[in-house]
């Protein structure tokens, strides 16, 4: 249960960051995708112990599924393309969830922190540019 709760928290935090800045793909979506990856990793480990089973193949099938969800998030307007960063955030949640499910907590948490900082940096830069231009 700890691994599922941790993956839900990580996904929720990254999703909350997207929602806070009025971007698509909110907390629940990100938490569910991260939990899905974690649960698949846990089940894959158990199946690998009980049977001759290639768990990497099972996890690799999740990538196209999230790619399909990511395509639905990306939309084009006249002058810009929106949703690319949210789609990339969904994509990074997969290995984070897998890492949590496979007990690689350090890598999962470090990647989550780095991802969060990358997402937040954009908004700090925009705010700094606006403040600079207003002076």
C-alpha atoms as a PDB file:
ATOM      1  CA  UNK A   1       0.000   0.000   0.000  1.00  0.00           C
ATOM      2  CA  UNK A   2       2.887   2.387   0.735  1.00  0.00           C
ATOM      3  CA  UNK A   3       4.039   2.314  -2.886  1.00  0.00           C
ATOM      4  CA  UNK A   4       0.558   3.025  -4.230  1.00  0.00           C
ATOM      5  CA  UNK A   5       0.019   5.889  -1.794  1.00  0.00           C
ATOM      6  CA  UNK A   6       3.440   7.368  -2.603  1.00  0.00           C
ATOM      7  CA  UNK A   7       2.746   7.206  -6.340  1.00  0.00           C
ATOM      8  CA  UNK A   8      -0.664   8.821  -5.831  1.00  0.00           C
ATOM      9  CA  UNK A   9       0.948  11.653  -3.844  1.00  0.00           C
ATOM     10  CA  UNK A  10       3.664  12.217  -6.456  1.00  0.00           C
ATOM     11  CA  UNK A  11       1.140  12.223  -9.313  1.00  0.00           C
ATOM     12  CA  UNK A  12      -1.205  14.482  -7.364  1.00  0.00           C
ATOM     13  CA  UNK A  13       1.539  17.044  -6.635  1.00  0.00           C
ATOM     14  CA  UNK A  14       2.669  17.202 -10.270  1.00  0.00           C
ATOM     15  CA  UNK A  15      -0.936  17.370 -11.462  1.00  0.00           C
ATOM     16  CA  UNK A  16      -1.749  20.078  -8.936  1.00  0.00           C
ATOM     17  CA  UNK A  17       1.102  22.152 -10.347  1.00  0.00           C
ATOM     18  CA  UNK A  18      -0.406  21.872 -13.837  1.00  0.00           C
ATOM     19  CA  UNK A  19      -3.900  22.723 -12.610  1.00  0.00           C
ATOM     20  CA  UNK A  20      -2.677  25.662 -10.527  1.00  0.00           C
ATOM     21  CA  UNK A  21      -1.408  27.282 -13.725  1.00  0.00           C
ATOM     22  CA  UNK A  22      -4.669  26.547 -15.594  1.00  0.00           C
ATOM     23  CA  UNK A  23      -3.195  23.787 -17.751  1.00  0.00           C
ATOM     24  CA  UNK A  24      -4.935  20.603 -18.849  1.00  0.00           C
ATOM     25  CA  UNK A  25      -4.325  17.322 -17.058  1.00  0.00           C
ATOM     26  CA  UNK A  26      -5.084  17.814 -13.403  1.00  0.00           C
ATOM     27  CA  UNK A  27      -4.253  16.134 -10.132  1.00  0.00           C
ATOM     28  CA  UNK A  28      -6.554  13.160 -10.426  1.00  0.00           C
ATOM     29  CA  UNK A  29      -5.395  12.290 -13.943  1.00  0.00           C
ATOM     30  CA  UNK A  30      -1.720  12.444 -13.011  1.00  0.00           C
ATOM     31  CA  UNK A  31      -2.266  10.504  -9.773  1.00  0.00           C
ATOM     32  CA  UNK A  32      -4.163   7.748 -11.569  1.00  0.00           C
ATOM     33  CA  UNK A  33      -1.537   7.394 -14.287  1.00  0.00           C
ATOM     34  CA  UNK A  34       1.303   7.230 -11.764  1.00  0.00           C
ATOM     35  CA  UNK A  35      -0.630   4.681  -9.682  1.00  0.00           C
ATOM     36  CA  UNK A  36      -1.295   2.604 -12.800  1.00  0.00           C
ATOM     37  CA  UNK A  37       2.418   2.392 -13.547  1.00  0.00           C
ATOM     38  CA  UNK A  38       3.176   1.508  -9.924  1.00  0.00           C
ATOM     39  CA  UNK A  39       0.515  -1.180  -9.778  1.00  0.00           C
ATOM     40  CA  UNK A  40       1.730  -2.712 -13.046  1.00  0.00           C
ATOM     41  CA  UNK A  41       5.280  -2.791 -11.687  1.00  0.00           C
ATOM     42  CA  UNK A  42       4.120  -4.479  -8.452  1.00  0.00           C
ATOM     43  CA  UNK A  43       2.013  -7.050 -10.312  1.00  0.00           C
ATOM     44  CA  UNK A  44       4.816  -7.635 -12.793  1.00  0.00           C
ATOM     45  CA  UNK A  45       7.268  -8.372  -9.991  1.00  0.00           C
ATOM     46  CA  UNK A  46       4.869 -10.855  -8.421  1.00  0.00           C
ATOM     47  CA  UNK A  47       4.194 -12.571 -11.742  1.00  0.00           C
ATOM     48  CA  UNK A  48       7.908 -12.690 -12.505  1.00  0.00           C
ATOM     49  CA  UNK A  49       8.529 -14.511  -9.214  1.00  0.00           C
ATOM     50  CA  UNK A  50       5.695 -16.989  -9.709  1.00  0.00           C
ATOM     51  CA  UNK A  51       6.037 -17.647 -13.455  1.00  0.00           C
ATOM     52  CA  UNK A  52       8.502 -17.239 -16.252  1.00  0.00           C
ATOM     53  CA  UNK A  53       7.281 -13.798 -17.227  1.00  0.00           C
ATOM     54  CA  UNK A  54       8.734 -10.823 -19.057  1.00  0.00           C
ATOM     55  CA  UNK A  55       7.495  -7.918 -16.920  1.00  0.00           C
ATOM     56  CA  UNK A  56       9.295  -5.302 -19.020  1.00  0.00           C
ATOM     57  CA  UNK A  57       6.987  -6.165 -21.907  1.00  0.00           C
ATOM     58  CA  UNK A  58       3.917  -5.582 -19.749  1.00  0.00           C
ATOM     59  CA  UNK A  59       5.209  -2.195 -18.637  1.00  0.00           C
ATOM     60  CA  UNK A  60       6.132  -1.220 -22.194  1.00  0.00           C
ATOM     61  CA  UNK A  61       2.509  -1.560 -23.288  1.00  0.00           C
ATOM     62  CA  UNK A  62       1.584   1.368 -21.067  1.00  0.00           C
ATOM     63  CA  UNK A  63       3.680   3.822 -23.104  1.00  0.00           C
ATOM     64  CA  UNK A  64       1.401   3.838 -26.176  1.00  0.00           C
ATOM     65  CA  UNK A  65      -1.648   4.145 -23.921  1.00  0.00           C
ATOM     66  CA  UNK A  66      -0.276   7.263 -22.260  1.00  0.00           C
ATOM     67  CA  UNK A  67       0.837   8.531 -25.657  1.00  0.00           C
ATOM     68  CA  UNK A  68      -2.773   8.258 -26.768  1.00  0.00           C
ATOM     69  CA  UNK A  69      -3.937  10.243 -23.725  1.00  0.00           C
ATOM     70  CA  UNK A  70      -1.187  12.793 -24.370  1.00  0.00           C
ATOM     71  CA  UNK A  71      -2.382  13.261 -27.953  1.00  0.00           C
ATOM     72  CA  UNK A  72      -5.795  14.188 -26.603  1.00  0.00           C
ATOM     73  CA  UNK A  73      -4.269  16.864 -24.384  1.00  0.00           C
ATOM     74  CA  UNK A  74      -2.256  18.542 -27.146  1.00  0.00           C
ATOM     75  CA  UNK A  75      -4.205  21.068 -29.185  1.00  0.00           C
ATOM     76  CA  UNK A  76      -3.215  23.698 -31.683  1.00  0.00           C
ATOM     77  CA  UNK A  77      -4.458  27.244 -31.862  1.00  0.00           C
ATOM     78  CA  UNK A  78      -3.686  29.785 -34.574  1.00  0.00           C
ATOM     79  CA  UNK A  79      -0.407  30.943 -33.061  1.00  0.00           C
ATOM     80  CA  UNK A  80       0.649  28.239 -30.617  1.00  0.00           C
ATOM     81  CA  UNK A  81       0.482  24.624 -29.538  1.00  0.00           C
ATOM     82  CA  UNK A  82      -0.826  23.953 -26.043  1.00  0.00           C
ATOM     83  CA  UNK A  83      -0.561  20.834 -23.928  1.00  0.00           C
ATOM     84  CA  UNK A  84       2.932  19.668 -24.887  1.00  0.00           C
ATOM     85  CA  UNK A  85       4.365  20.132 -21.411  1.00  0.00           C
ATOM     86  CA  UNK A  86       1.385  18.416 -19.791  1.00  0.00           C
ATOM     87  CA  UNK A  87       1.758  15.521 -22.212  1.00  0.00           C
ATOM     88  CA  UNK A  88       5.460  15.281 -21.368  1.00  0.00           C
ATOM     89  CA  UNK A  89       4.568  15.342 -17.675  1.00  0.00           C
ATOM     90  CA  UNK A  90       2.263  12.372 -18.226  1.00  0.00           C
ATOM     91  CA  UNK A  91       5.109  10.588 -19.956  1.00  0.00           C
ATOM     92  CA  UNK A  92       7.596  11.182 -17.117  1.00  0.00           C
ATOM     93  CA  UNK A  93       5.043   9.871 -14.616  1.00  0.00           C
ATOM     94  CA  UNK A  94       5.349   6.384 -16.108  1.00  0.00           C
ATOM     95  CA  UNK A  95       8.982   5.749 -15.159  1.00  0.00           C
ATOM     96  CA  UNK A  96       8.376   7.492 -11.817  1.00  0.00           C
ATOM     97  CA  UNK A  97       5.505   5.109 -11.123  1.00  0.00           C
ATOM     98  CA  UNK A  98       7.548   2.123 -12.305  1.00  0.00           C
ATOM     99  CA  UNK A  99      10.450   3.175 -10.078  1.00  0.00           C
ATOM    100  CA  UNK A 100       8.174   3.404  -7.050  1.00  0.00           C
ATOM    101  CA  UNK A 101       6.658   0.015  -7.862  1.00  0.00           C
ATOM    102  CA  UNK A 102      10.122  -1.530  -8.197  1.00  0.00           C
ATOM    103  CA  UNK A 103      11.318   0.019  -4.879  1.00  0.00           C
ATOM    104  CA  UNK A 104      13.638   2.595  -6.464  1.00  0.00           C
ATOM    105  CA  UNK A 105      12.388   5.355  -4.181  1.00  0.00           C
ATOM    106  CA  UNK A 106      15.442   7.589  -4.458  1.00  0.00           C
ATOM    107  CA  UNK A 107      15.235   7.769  -8.247  1.00  0.00           C
ATOM    108  CA  UNK A 108      11.468   8.260  -8.199  1.00  0.00           C
ATOM    109  CA  UNK A 109      11.551  11.079  -5.667  1.00  0.00           C
ATOM    110  CA  UNK A 110      14.598  12.747  -7.231  1.00  0.00           C
ATOM    111  CA  UNK A 111      12.961  12.644 -10.676  1.00  0.00           C
ATOM    112  CA  UNK A 112       9.722  14.002  -9.219  1.00  0.00           C
ATOM    113  CA  UNK A 113      11.504  16.919  -7.568  1.00  0.00           C
ATOM    114  CA  UNK A 114      13.456  17.728 -10.716  1.00  0.00           C
ATOM    115  CA  UNK A 115      10.266  17.535 -12.803  1.00  0.00           C
ATOM    116  CA  UNK A 116       8.436  19.832 -10.387  1.00  0.00           C
ATOM    117  CA  UNK A 117      11.279  22.354 -10.455  1.00  0.00           C
ATOM    118  CA  UNK A 118      11.354  22.319 -14.255  1.00  0.00           C
ATOM    119  CA  UNK A 119       7.601  22.925 -14.408  1.00  0.00           C
ATOM    120  CA  UNK A 120       7.732  25.738 -11.852  1.00  0.00           C
ATOM    121  CA  UNK A 121      10.740  27.473 -13.419  1.00  0.00           C
ATOM    122  CA  UNK A 122       8.758  28.478 -16.493  1.00  0.00           C
ATOM    123  CA  UNK A 123       6.284  30.472 -14.427  1.00  0.00           C
ATOM    124  CA  UNK A 124       8.976  32.194 -12.382  1.00  0.00           C
ATOM    125  CA  UNK A 125      10.733  33.226 -15.599  1.00  0.00           C
ATOM    126  CA  UNK A 126       7.502  34.622 -17.064  1.00  0.00           C
ATOM    127  CA  UNK A 127       6.824  36.566 -13.878  1.00  0.00           C
ATOM    128  CA  UNK A 128      10.376  37.957 -13.863  1.00  0.00           C
ATOM    129  CA  UNK A 129      10.088  39.055 -17.515  1.00  0.00           C
ATOM    130  CA  UNK A 130       6.748  40.771 -16.846  1.00  0.00           C
ATOM    131  CA  UNK A 131       8.170  42.569 -13.802  1.00  0.00           C
ATOM    132  CA  UNK A 132      11.231  43.636 -15.775  1.00  0.00           C
ATOM    133  CA  UNK A 133       9.109  44.987 -18.645  1.00  0.00           C
ATOM    134  CA  UNK A 134       6.831  46.931 -16.275  1.00  0.00           C
ATOM    135  CA  UNK A 135       9.718  48.920 -14.782  1.00  0.00           C
END
